[in-house]
Amino acid sequence: PHPVSDAVDFGDLDQMEMKLDALRAQHRVLDERIQALEADGGHAFQVMGLKREKLRVKDQMVWIQARLTPDIIA
C-alpha cells in the first residue's frame, strides 16, 4: 500500500493535484505550529510529534509528485 490515502484515485491527475495542494497547506500549517511552539520556549514532545507529522506529510507530497512527473529517458 502507498503512504497516501486510498481515497485518492491515482488515475485522476486533477484529484492528485488537489491532494498535493491539500498536503502543501497541511505542511505549512504544521510548520507554523512548530515555529510558534519553539518561539514559546519549549513543548519538546509536542514539537517532536509535529515534526514527525510534517515529515510524513512531506513524504506523501514527494510520493504524489513522483507520480505526477513523467519519467524522462535521457
C-alpha atoms as a PDB file:
ATOM      1  CA  PRO A   1       0.000   0.000   0.000  1.00  0.00           C
ATOM      2  CA  HIS A   2       1.089   3.530  -0.687  1.00  0.00           C
ATOM      3  CA  PRO A   3       1.503   6.173   2.038  1.00  0.00           C
ATOM      4  CA  VAL A   4      -1.302   8.359   0.685  1.00  0.00           C
ATOM      5  CA  SER A   5      -4.975   7.851   1.442  1.00  0.00           C
ATOM      6  CA  ASP A   6      -6.692   5.138  -0.560  1.00  0.00           C
ATOM      7  CA  ALA A   7      -9.472   7.658  -1.235  1.00  0.00           C
ATOM      8  CA  VAL A   8      -7.310   9.246  -3.944  1.00  0.00           C
ATOM      9  CA  ASP A   9      -7.805   7.899  -7.491  1.00  0.00           C
ATOM     10  CA  PHE A  10      -4.284   7.850  -8.872  1.00  0.00           C
ATOM     11  CA  GLY A  11      -5.601   7.677 -12.421  1.00  0.00           C
ATOM     12  CA  ASP A  12      -7.186  11.105 -11.934  1.00  0.00           C
ATOM     13  CA  LEU A  13      -4.456  13.729 -12.282  1.00  0.00           C
ATOM     14  CA  ASP A  14      -6.751  16.545 -11.126  1.00  0.00           C
ATOM     15  CA  GLN A  15      -7.575  14.655  -7.940  1.00  0.00           C
ATOM     16  CA  MET A  16      -3.869  14.002  -7.335  1.00  0.00           C
ATOM     17  CA  GLU A  17      -3.115  17.725  -7.804  1.00  0.00           C
ATOM     18  CA  MET A  18      -5.868  18.605  -5.325  1.00  0.00           C
ATOM     19  CA  LYS A  19      -4.454  16.125  -2.782  1.00  0.00           C
ATOM     20  CA  LEU A  20      -0.990  17.601  -3.309  1.00  0.00           C
ATOM     21  CA  ASP A  21      -2.329  21.133  -2.720  1.00  0.00           C
ATOM     22  CA  ALA A  22      -4.059  19.968   0.477  1.00  0.00           C
ATOM     23  CA  LEU A  23      -0.839  18.335   1.687  1.00  0.00           C
ATOM     24  CA  ARG A  24       1.135  21.518   0.952  1.00  0.00           C
ATOM     25  CA  ALA A  25      -1.350  23.534   3.006  1.00  0.00           C
ATOM     26  CA  GLN A  26      -1.146  20.996   5.854  1.00  0.00           C
ATOM     27  CA  HIS A  27       2.663  21.150   5.697  1.00  0.00           C
ATOM     28  CA  ARG A  28       2.572  24.971   6.019  1.00  0.00           C
ATOM     29  CA  VAL A  29       0.186  24.799   8.986  1.00  0.00           C
ATOM     30  CA  LEU A  30       2.402  22.257  10.744  1.00  0.00           C
ATOM     31  CA  ASP A  31       5.459  24.431  10.108  1.00  0.00           C
ATOM     32  CA  GLU A  32       3.691  27.467  11.581  1.00  0.00           C
ATOM     33  CA  ARG A  33       2.609  25.479  14.658  1.00  0.00           C
ATOM     34  CA  ILE A  34       6.165  24.201  15.165  1.00  0.00           C
ATOM     35  CA  GLN A  35       7.597  27.705  14.901  1.00  0.00           C
ATOM     36  CA  ALA A  36       5.025  29.062  17.350  1.00  0.00           C
ATOM     37  CA  LEU A  37       5.756  26.331  19.902  1.00  0.00           C
ATOM     38  CA  GLU A  38       9.512  26.794  19.565  1.00  0.00           C
ATOM     39  CA  ALA A  39       9.139  30.568  19.940  1.00  0.00           C
ATOM     40  CA  ASP A  40       7.091  29.926  23.074  1.00  0.00           C
ATOM     41  CA  GLY A  41      10.138  28.250  24.543  1.00  0.00           C
ATOM     42  CA  GLY A  42       9.535  24.592  24.697  1.00  0.00           C
ATOM     43  CA  HIS A  43       6.942  21.891  24.454  1.00  0.00           C
ATOM     44  CA  ALA A  44       9.632  19.489  23.216  1.00  0.00           C
ATOM     45  CA  PHE A  45       7.341  16.469  22.944  1.00  0.00           C
ATOM     46  CA  GLN A  46       4.696  18.415  21.035  1.00  0.00           C
ATOM     47  CA  VAL A  47       7.333  19.867  18.703  1.00  0.00           C
ATOM     48  CA  MET A  48       8.810  16.415  18.127  1.00  0.00           C
ATOM     49  CA  GLY A  49       5.384  14.987  17.272  1.00  0.00           C
ATOM     50  CA  LEU A  50       4.582  17.835  14.910  1.00  0.00           C
ATOM     51  CA  LYS A  51       7.947  17.473  13.180  1.00  0.00           C
ATOM     52  CA  ARG A  52       7.293  13.758  12.717  1.00  0.00           C
ATOM     53  CA  GLU A  53       3.873  14.553  11.223  1.00  0.00           C
ATOM     54  CA  LYS A  54       5.434  17.213   8.983  1.00  0.00           C
ATOM     55  CA  LEU A  55       7.916  14.632   7.648  1.00  0.00           C
ATOM     56  CA  ARG A  56       5.072  12.180   6.996  1.00  0.00           C
ATOM     57  CA  VAL A  57       3.214  14.855   5.025  1.00  0.00           C
ATOM     58  CA  LYS A  58       6.395  15.698   3.106  1.00  0.00           C
ATOM     59  CA  ASP A  59       6.845  12.015   2.210  1.00  0.00           C
ATOM     60  CA  GLN A  60       3.288  11.933   0.859  1.00  0.00           C
ATOM     61  CA  MET A  61       3.945  15.078  -1.180  1.00  0.00           C
ATOM     62  CA  VAL A  62       7.095  13.583  -2.698  1.00  0.00           C
ATOM     63  CA  TRP A  63       5.262  10.329  -3.442  1.00  0.00           C
ATOM     64  CA  ILE A  64       2.483  12.136  -5.345  1.00  0.00           C
ATOM     65  CA  GLN A  65       4.926  14.454  -7.139  1.00  0.00           C
ATOM     66  CA  ALA A  66       6.864  11.419  -8.362  1.00  0.00           C
ATOM     67  CA  ARG A  67       3.658  10.032  -9.898  1.00  0.00           C
ATOM     68  CA  LEU A  68       2.718  13.356 -11.492  1.00  0.00           C
ATOM     69  CA  THR A  69       6.165  13.838 -13.054  1.00  0.00           C
ATOM     70  CA  PRO A  70       6.723  11.698 -16.130  1.00  0.00           C
ATOM     71  CA  ASP A  71       9.900   9.660 -16.314  1.00  0.00           C
ATOM     72  CA  ILE A  72      12.418  11.267 -18.632  1.00  0.00           C
ATOM     73  CA  ILE A  73      14.569   8.864 -20.574  1.00  0.00           C
ATOM     74  CA  ALA A  74      17.819  10.548 -21.484  1.00  0.00           C
END
